[in-house]
Amino acid sequence: MNKIGIHYGSFVSNWMDDQFPLIRKVKELGFDLLEFGSDFLLSQDDEGLLKLKTEAEVQNIDLTISLGLTPDQDIGSPIRAEREAGKSLLKQTAVAMRKAGISDVSGILYCAWNGKINSYDEKSKRWDNSIASMKEISKVFEDNGVYINVEVANRFENYLINTCDEALAYLDQVESEHVGLHLDTFHMNIEEESFVTPILKAHKRMRYFHIGENNRKMPGLGMMPWKTIFDTLKFVGYSRPISMEPFVRPGGEVGSAVSLYREMMDLSDYENDLKRSLAFVKSMLK
């Protein structure tokens, strides 16, 4: 049975806005899971981590982490200090996850989110750097009994892994059962030739699945072929979390990071729009 989740960026304008109240909010909206930010997680001391864990248990909500490395934390960078900063952040995340009872972190955590390189020739060396870094990082995740998932994201948001095939090659070289795969329909819509083939290829190693429309609205408000997508997920027996990631709020750090500079939709009935989308997703899974 798939747990249905939602990304915290659907509710906040800035990455460090208080996310604790969102645990109760997503429960009230009918979701099973909240995907919240690594920066917020790492801002908590042990008491705060226990508080997060306890509130999630009280609300019967699963927690998972979203993470995007910044250019000065790029584990594929040729600059050692940047690689070390990224490795340190991810290792700290693994320990904090264990303390908070969280099993998975997913995102662009193999290079810089929204990072650029000057030429295609740089990619090979950065790939090797990222693999070496991830091998080291994965051992900390193994020791803490938690998982790190490589999100396949479009070429405009990272330079290293844009297709499912690239992600599978990356996992093959890292060689850790605690490094999984994360597909996202918004990114697949840009980079893949099919929604079906990547899911068929990835399913045994896929630990997380993002659902978002071609326009980054919530499912049901765009032109994604949802029946095909959900039928394929059911065909491969995917039973792990499915999380929607609508970005429709302009303004603040979140709006800027996802290049949202216009009014996407009327937000006056936003929570009911989320409920309707959740009902749509559940109907697709039946």
Protein backbone atom coordinates (compact mmCIF):
# COMPACT_ATOMS: atom_id res chain seq x y z
CA MET A 1 0.00 0.00 0.00
CA ASN A 2 1.57 3.28 -1.10
CA LYS A 3 1.87 6.07 1.44
CA ILE A 4 0.87 9.36 -0.20
CA GLY A 5 2.92 12.38 0.79
CA ILE A 6 3.49 16.03 0.03
CA HIS A 7 6.57 18.27 -0.07
CA TYR A 8 6.84 21.04 2.51
CA GLY A 9 7.60 23.57 -0.23
CA SER A 10 3.91 23.34 -1.07
CA PHE A 11 3.19 25.35 2.08
CA VAL A 12 6.14 27.62 2.89
CA SER A 13 7.86 30.55 1.19
CA ASN A 14 11.31 30.11 2.75
CA TRP A 15 13.33 26.97 3.35
CA MET A 16 13.71 27.50 7.09
CA ASP A 17 10.10 28.43 7.83
CA ASP A 18 8.82 26.39 10.77
CA GLN A 19 7.85 22.97 9.44
CA PHE A 20 6.78 21.37 12.71
CA PRO A 21 3.12 22.50 12.36
CA LEU A 22 2.99 20.92 8.91
CA ILE A 23 2.95 17.44 10.44
CA ARG A 24 -0.52 18.07 11.84
CA LYS A 25 -1.62 20.00 8.74
CA VAL A 26 -0.83 17.22 6.26
CA LYS A 27 -2.62 14.76 8.54
CA GLU A 28 -5.73 16.98 8.52
CA LEU A 29 -5.55 17.18 4.71
CA GLY A 30 -5.54 13.38 4.48
CA PHE A 31 -1.90 12.66 3.58
CA ASP A 32 0.20 9.85 5.04
CA LEU A 33 3.63 11.44 4.76
CA LEU A 34 5.39 14.81 5.03
CA GLU A 35 8.56 15.44 3.07
CA PHE A 36 10.42 18.19 4.89
CA GLY A 37 13.75 19.94 4.61
CA SER A 38 17.21 18.79 5.62
CA ASP A 39 18.16 22.29 6.80
CA PHE A 40 15.24 22.28 9.21
CA LEU A 41 16.15 18.78 10.38
CA LEU A 42 19.77 19.77 11.05
CA SER A 43 18.70 22.90 12.92
CA GLN A 44 17.23 20.68 15.65
CA ASP A 45 19.10 19.48 18.71
CA ASP A 46 18.45 15.98 20.07
CA GLU A 47 15.42 17.24 21.98
CA GLY A 48 14.00 18.78 18.81
CA LEU A 49 14.60 15.60 16.83
CA LEU A 50 12.76 13.58 19.46
CA LYS A 51 9.92 16.12 19.35
CA LEU A 52 9.62 15.66 15.58
CA LYS A 53 9.60 11.89 15.96
CA THR A 54 6.99 12.00 18.71
CA GLU A 55 4.68 14.38 16.85
CA ALA A 56 4.88 12.23 13.72
CA GLU A 57 3.98 9.15 15.77
CA VAL A 58 1.07 10.94 17.46
CA GLN A 59 -0.28 12.11 14.10
CA ASN A 60 0.52 8.76 12.42
CA ILE A 61 2.48 10.58 9.72
CA ASP A 62 5.65 9.24 8.11
CA LEU A 63 8.51 11.70 7.69
CA THR A 64 11.05 11.79 4.89
CA ILE A 65 13.70 14.35 3.98
CA SER A 66 14.22 16.50 0.90
CA LEU A 67 17.71 17.78 0.17
CA GLY A 68 19.41 19.75 -2.57
CA LEU A 69 23.12 20.48 -2.27
CA THR A 70 24.28 24.05 -2.91
CA PRO A 71 27.25 24.82 -5.21
CA ASP A 72 29.54 25.17 -2.19
CA GLN A 73 28.45 21.68 -1.03
CA ASP A 74 28.89 19.93 -4.38
CA ILE A 75 30.29 16.43 -3.77
CA GLY A 76 31.29 16.26 -7.45
CA SER A 77 33.22 19.54 -7.38
CA PRO A 78 36.91 19.66 -8.33
CA ILE A 79 37.38 21.83 -5.23
CA ARG A 80 38.10 19.64 -2.22
CA ALA A 81 36.59 22.04 0.34
CA GLU A 82 33.25 21.96 -1.51
CA ARG A 83 33.25 18.16 -1.66
CA GLU A 84 34.08 17.92 2.03
CA ALA A 85 31.30 20.36 2.93
CA GLY A 86 28.76 18.27 1.04
CA LYS A 87 29.99 15.00 2.52
CA SER A 88 29.86 16.46 6.02
CA LEU A 89 26.30 17.70 5.51
CA LEU A 90 25.06 14.36 4.23
CA LYS A 91 26.77 12.42 7.02
CA GLN A 92 25.20 14.72 9.61
CA THR A 93 21.84 14.19 7.91
CA ALA A 94 22.17 10.41 8.25
CA VAL A 95 22.78 10.65 12.00
CA ALA A 96 19.92 13.13 12.53
CA MET A 97 17.56 10.91 10.52
CA ARG A 98 18.31 7.94 12.75
CA LYS A 99 17.63 10.00 15.86
CA ALA A 100 14.34 11.30 14.42
CA GLY A 101 13.21 7.87 13.20
CA ILE A 102 13.33 8.85 9.52
CA SER A 103 14.39 6.22 6.99
CA ASP A 104 14.96 8.13 3.73
CA VAL A 105 16.39 11.33 2.28
CA SER A 106 15.90 12.06 -1.41
CA GLY A 107 16.91 14.78 -3.81
CA ILE A 108 19.79 16.28 -5.76
CA LEU A 109 22.46 15.13 -3.35
CA TYR A 110 25.08 13.93 -5.83
CA CYS A 111 26.02 17.39 -7.15
CA ALA A 112 24.79 20.97 -6.81
CA TRP A 113 21.09 21.72 -7.25
CA ASN A 114 20.86 24.46 -9.89
CA GLY A 115 24.63 24.20 -10.26
CA LYS A 116 26.29 24.69 -13.64
CA ILE A 117 29.48 23.55 -15.33
CA ASN A 118 31.32 25.44 -18.04
CA SER A 119 31.65 22.59 -20.51
CA TYR A 120 30.49 19.05 -21.13
CA ASP A 121 34.10 17.88 -20.79
CA GLU A 122 33.94 18.63 -17.04
CA LYS A 123 31.17 16.10 -16.43
CA SER A 124 33.30 12.95 -16.48
CA LYS A 125 35.69 14.10 -13.75
CA ARG A 126 32.83 15.45 -11.63
CA TRP A 127 31.02 12.14 -12.05
CA ASP A 128 34.07 10.31 -10.70
CA ASN A 129 34.35 12.76 -7.80
CA SER A 130 30.69 12.29 -6.94
CA ILE A 131 30.96 8.49 -7.05
CA ALA A 132 33.97 8.52 -4.72
CA SER A 133 32.20 10.91 -2.35
CA MET A 134 28.99 8.87 -2.35
CA LYS A 135 30.87 5.65 -1.61
CA GLU A 136 32.21 7.30 1.54
CA ILE A 137 28.84 8.84 2.45
CA SER A 138 26.93 5.60 1.89
CA LYS A 139 28.91 3.85 4.62
CA VAL A 140 27.57 6.34 7.18
CA PHE A 141 24.03 5.72 5.93
CA GLU A 142 24.61 1.97 6.20
CA ASP A 143 25.94 2.35 9.75
CA ASN A 144 22.86 4.37 10.75
CA GLY A 145 20.38 2.05 9.01
CA VAL A 146 18.99 4.81 6.76
CA TYR A 147 18.81 5.39 3.01
CA ILE A 148 19.88 8.10 0.57
CA ASN A 149 18.01 8.29 -2.75
CA VAL A 150 19.32 9.78 -5.99
CA GLU A 151 16.66 11.94 -7.63
CA VAL A 152 16.72 12.04 -11.41
CA ALA A 153 16.26 15.73 -12.24
CA ASN A 154 16.19 17.77 -15.42
CA ARG A 155 19.21 19.41 -17.09
CA PHE A 156 18.18 22.88 -15.91
CA GLU A 157 18.46 21.85 -12.24
CA ASN A 158 21.62 19.72 -12.27
CA TYR A 159 24.43 18.76 -14.61
CA LEU A 160 25.09 15.16 -13.56
CA ILE A 161 22.02 12.86 -13.52
CA ASN A 162 19.18 13.73 -15.90
CA THR A 163 17.84 10.30 -16.90
CA CYS A 164 16.98 7.03 -15.24
CA ASP A 165 19.77 5.31 -17.18
CA GLU A 166 22.32 7.73 -15.75
CA ALA A 167 20.97 7.16 -12.24
CA LEU A 168 21.19 3.38 -12.61
CA ALA A 169 24.78 3.66 -13.86
CA TYR A 170 25.57 5.84 -10.84
CA LEU A 171 24.07 3.32 -8.43
CA ASP A 172 25.96 0.49 -10.12
CA GLN A 173 29.25 2.29 -9.47
CA VAL A 174 28.42 3.32 -5.88
CA GLU A 175 27.56 -0.29 -4.99
CA SER A 176 25.53 0.28 -1.83
CA GLU A 177 22.15 -1.17 -0.94
CA HIS A 178 21.53 2.00 1.08
CA VAL A 179 21.65 4.23 -2.02
CA GLY A 180 18.33 4.11 -3.88
CA LEU A 181 16.64 5.74 -6.84
CA HIS A 182 14.03 8.50 -6.95
CA LEU A 183 12.00 9.25 -10.08
CA ASP A 184 9.92 12.41 -10.56
CA THR A 185 7.25 12.83 -13.23
CA PHE A 186 7.97 16.55 -13.73
CA HIS A 187 11.59 15.82 -14.58
CA MET A 188 10.74 12.69 -16.58
CA ASN A 189 8.42 14.82 -18.72
CA ILE A 190 11.41 16.93 -19.76
CA GLU A 191 14.17 14.35 -20.14
CA GLU A 192 12.78 10.89 -20.85
CA GLU A 193 11.29 9.50 -24.05
CA SER A 194 8.66 7.58 -22.13
CA PHE A 195 7.10 7.43 -18.68
CA VAL A 196 6.86 3.65 -18.88
CA THR A 197 10.43 2.56 -19.64
CA PRO A 198 12.17 4.36 -16.73
CA ILE A 199 9.70 2.91 -14.21
CA LEU A 200 10.18 -0.58 -15.67
CA LYS A 201 13.96 -0.19 -15.44
CA ALA A 202 14.06 1.43 -12.01
CA HIS A 203 11.41 -0.36 -10.01
CA LYS A 204 13.58 -2.79 -8.04
CA ARG A 205 15.85 0.04 -6.90
CA MET A 206 13.26 2.80 -6.63
CA ARG A 207 12.54 3.92 -3.07
CA TYR A 208 10.70 7.18 -3.78
CA PHE A 209 8.44 8.60 -6.49
CA HIS A 210 7.49 12.24 -6.99
CA ILE A 211 4.29 13.18 -8.79
CA GLY A 212 3.89 16.64 -10.27
CA GLU A 213 2.23 18.02 -13.34
CA ASN A 214 4.10 19.29 -16.39
CA ASN A 215 3.42 22.81 -15.03
CA ARG A 216 4.39 21.85 -11.42
CA LYS A 217 0.81 22.06 -10.21
CA MET A 218 -0.70 19.25 -8.18
CA PRO A 219 -1.75 16.10 -10.08
CA GLY A 220 -4.96 16.52 -12.04
CA LEU A 221 -4.32 20.15 -13.05
CA GLY A 222 -2.09 19.59 -16.06
CA MET A 223 -1.62 17.21 -18.96
CA MET A 224 0.38 14.31 -17.54
CA PRO A 225 -0.75 10.82 -18.68
CA TRP A 226 -1.59 9.74 -15.15
CA LYS A 227 -3.35 6.50 -16.07
CA THR A 228 -0.25 5.31 -17.93
CA ILE A 229 2.01 6.34 -15.06
CA PHE A 230 -0.04 4.72 -12.30
CA ASP A 231 -0.76 1.62 -14.35
CA THR A 232 2.99 1.15 -14.80
CA LEU A 233 3.66 1.64 -11.09
CA LYS A 234 1.03 -1.00 -10.35
CA PHE A 235 2.45 -3.33 -13.01
CA VAL A 236 5.90 -3.34 -11.39
CA GLY A 237 4.40 -3.66 -7.92
CA TYR A 238 5.79 -0.38 -6.60
CA SER A 239 4.54 -0.11 -3.01
CA ARG A 240 6.78 2.59 -1.52
CA PRO A 241 5.90 6.29 -1.01
CA ILE A 242 4.44 8.51 -3.68
CA SER A 243 4.74 12.21 -2.90
CA MET A 244 3.29 15.21 -4.70
CA GLU A 245 5.50 18.25 -5.08
CA PRO A 246 3.46 21.21 -6.31
CA PHE A 247 5.33 24.51 -6.58
CA VAL A 248 2.69 27.16 -7.18
CA ARG A 249 3.53 29.93 -4.69
CA PRO A 250 5.60 32.79 -6.16
CA GLY A 251 7.84 34.74 -3.82
CA GLY A 252 10.40 33.93 -1.17
CA GLU A 253 13.33 31.56 -1.43
CA VAL A 254 11.20 28.67 -2.62
CA GLY A 255 9.62 30.57 -5.51
CA SER A 256 13.00 31.90 -6.60
CA ALA A 257 14.70 28.48 -6.39
CA VAL A 258 12.11 26.90 -8.71
CA SER A 259 12.03 29.93 -11.06
CA LEU A 260 8.43 30.83 -10.27
CA TYR A 261 7.83 34.47 -11.13
CA ARG A 262 4.12 34.58 -11.96
CA GLU A 263 0.79 33.73 -10.40
CA MET A 264 0.30 30.06 -11.26
CA MET A 265 -3.19 29.61 -9.85
CA ASP A 266 -5.78 31.07 -7.51
CA LEU A 267 -4.62 30.11 -4.01
CA SER A 268 -7.79 31.19 -2.19
CA ASP A 269 -9.01 27.57 -2.03
CA TYR A 270 -5.57 25.97 -1.99
CA GLU A 271 -6.11 23.37 0.73
CA ASN A 272 -9.27 22.10 -0.93
CA ASP A 273 -7.36 21.93 -4.22
CA LEU A 274 -4.84 19.71 -2.45
CA LYS A 275 -7.61 17.51 -1.07
CA ARG A 276 -9.12 17.14 -4.54
CA SER A 277 -5.73 16.22 -5.98
CA LEU A 278 -5.18 13.68 -3.22
CA ALA A 279 -8.55 12.10 -4.00
CA PHE A 280 -7.57 12.00 -7.68
CA VAL A 281 -4.29 10.23 -6.86
CA LYS A 282 -6.04 7.69 -4.66
CA SER A 283 -8.55 7.00 -7.43
CA MET A 284 -5.65 6.31 -9.82
CA LEU A 285 -4.16 3.81 -7.38
CA LYS A 286 -7.33 1.75 -7.01
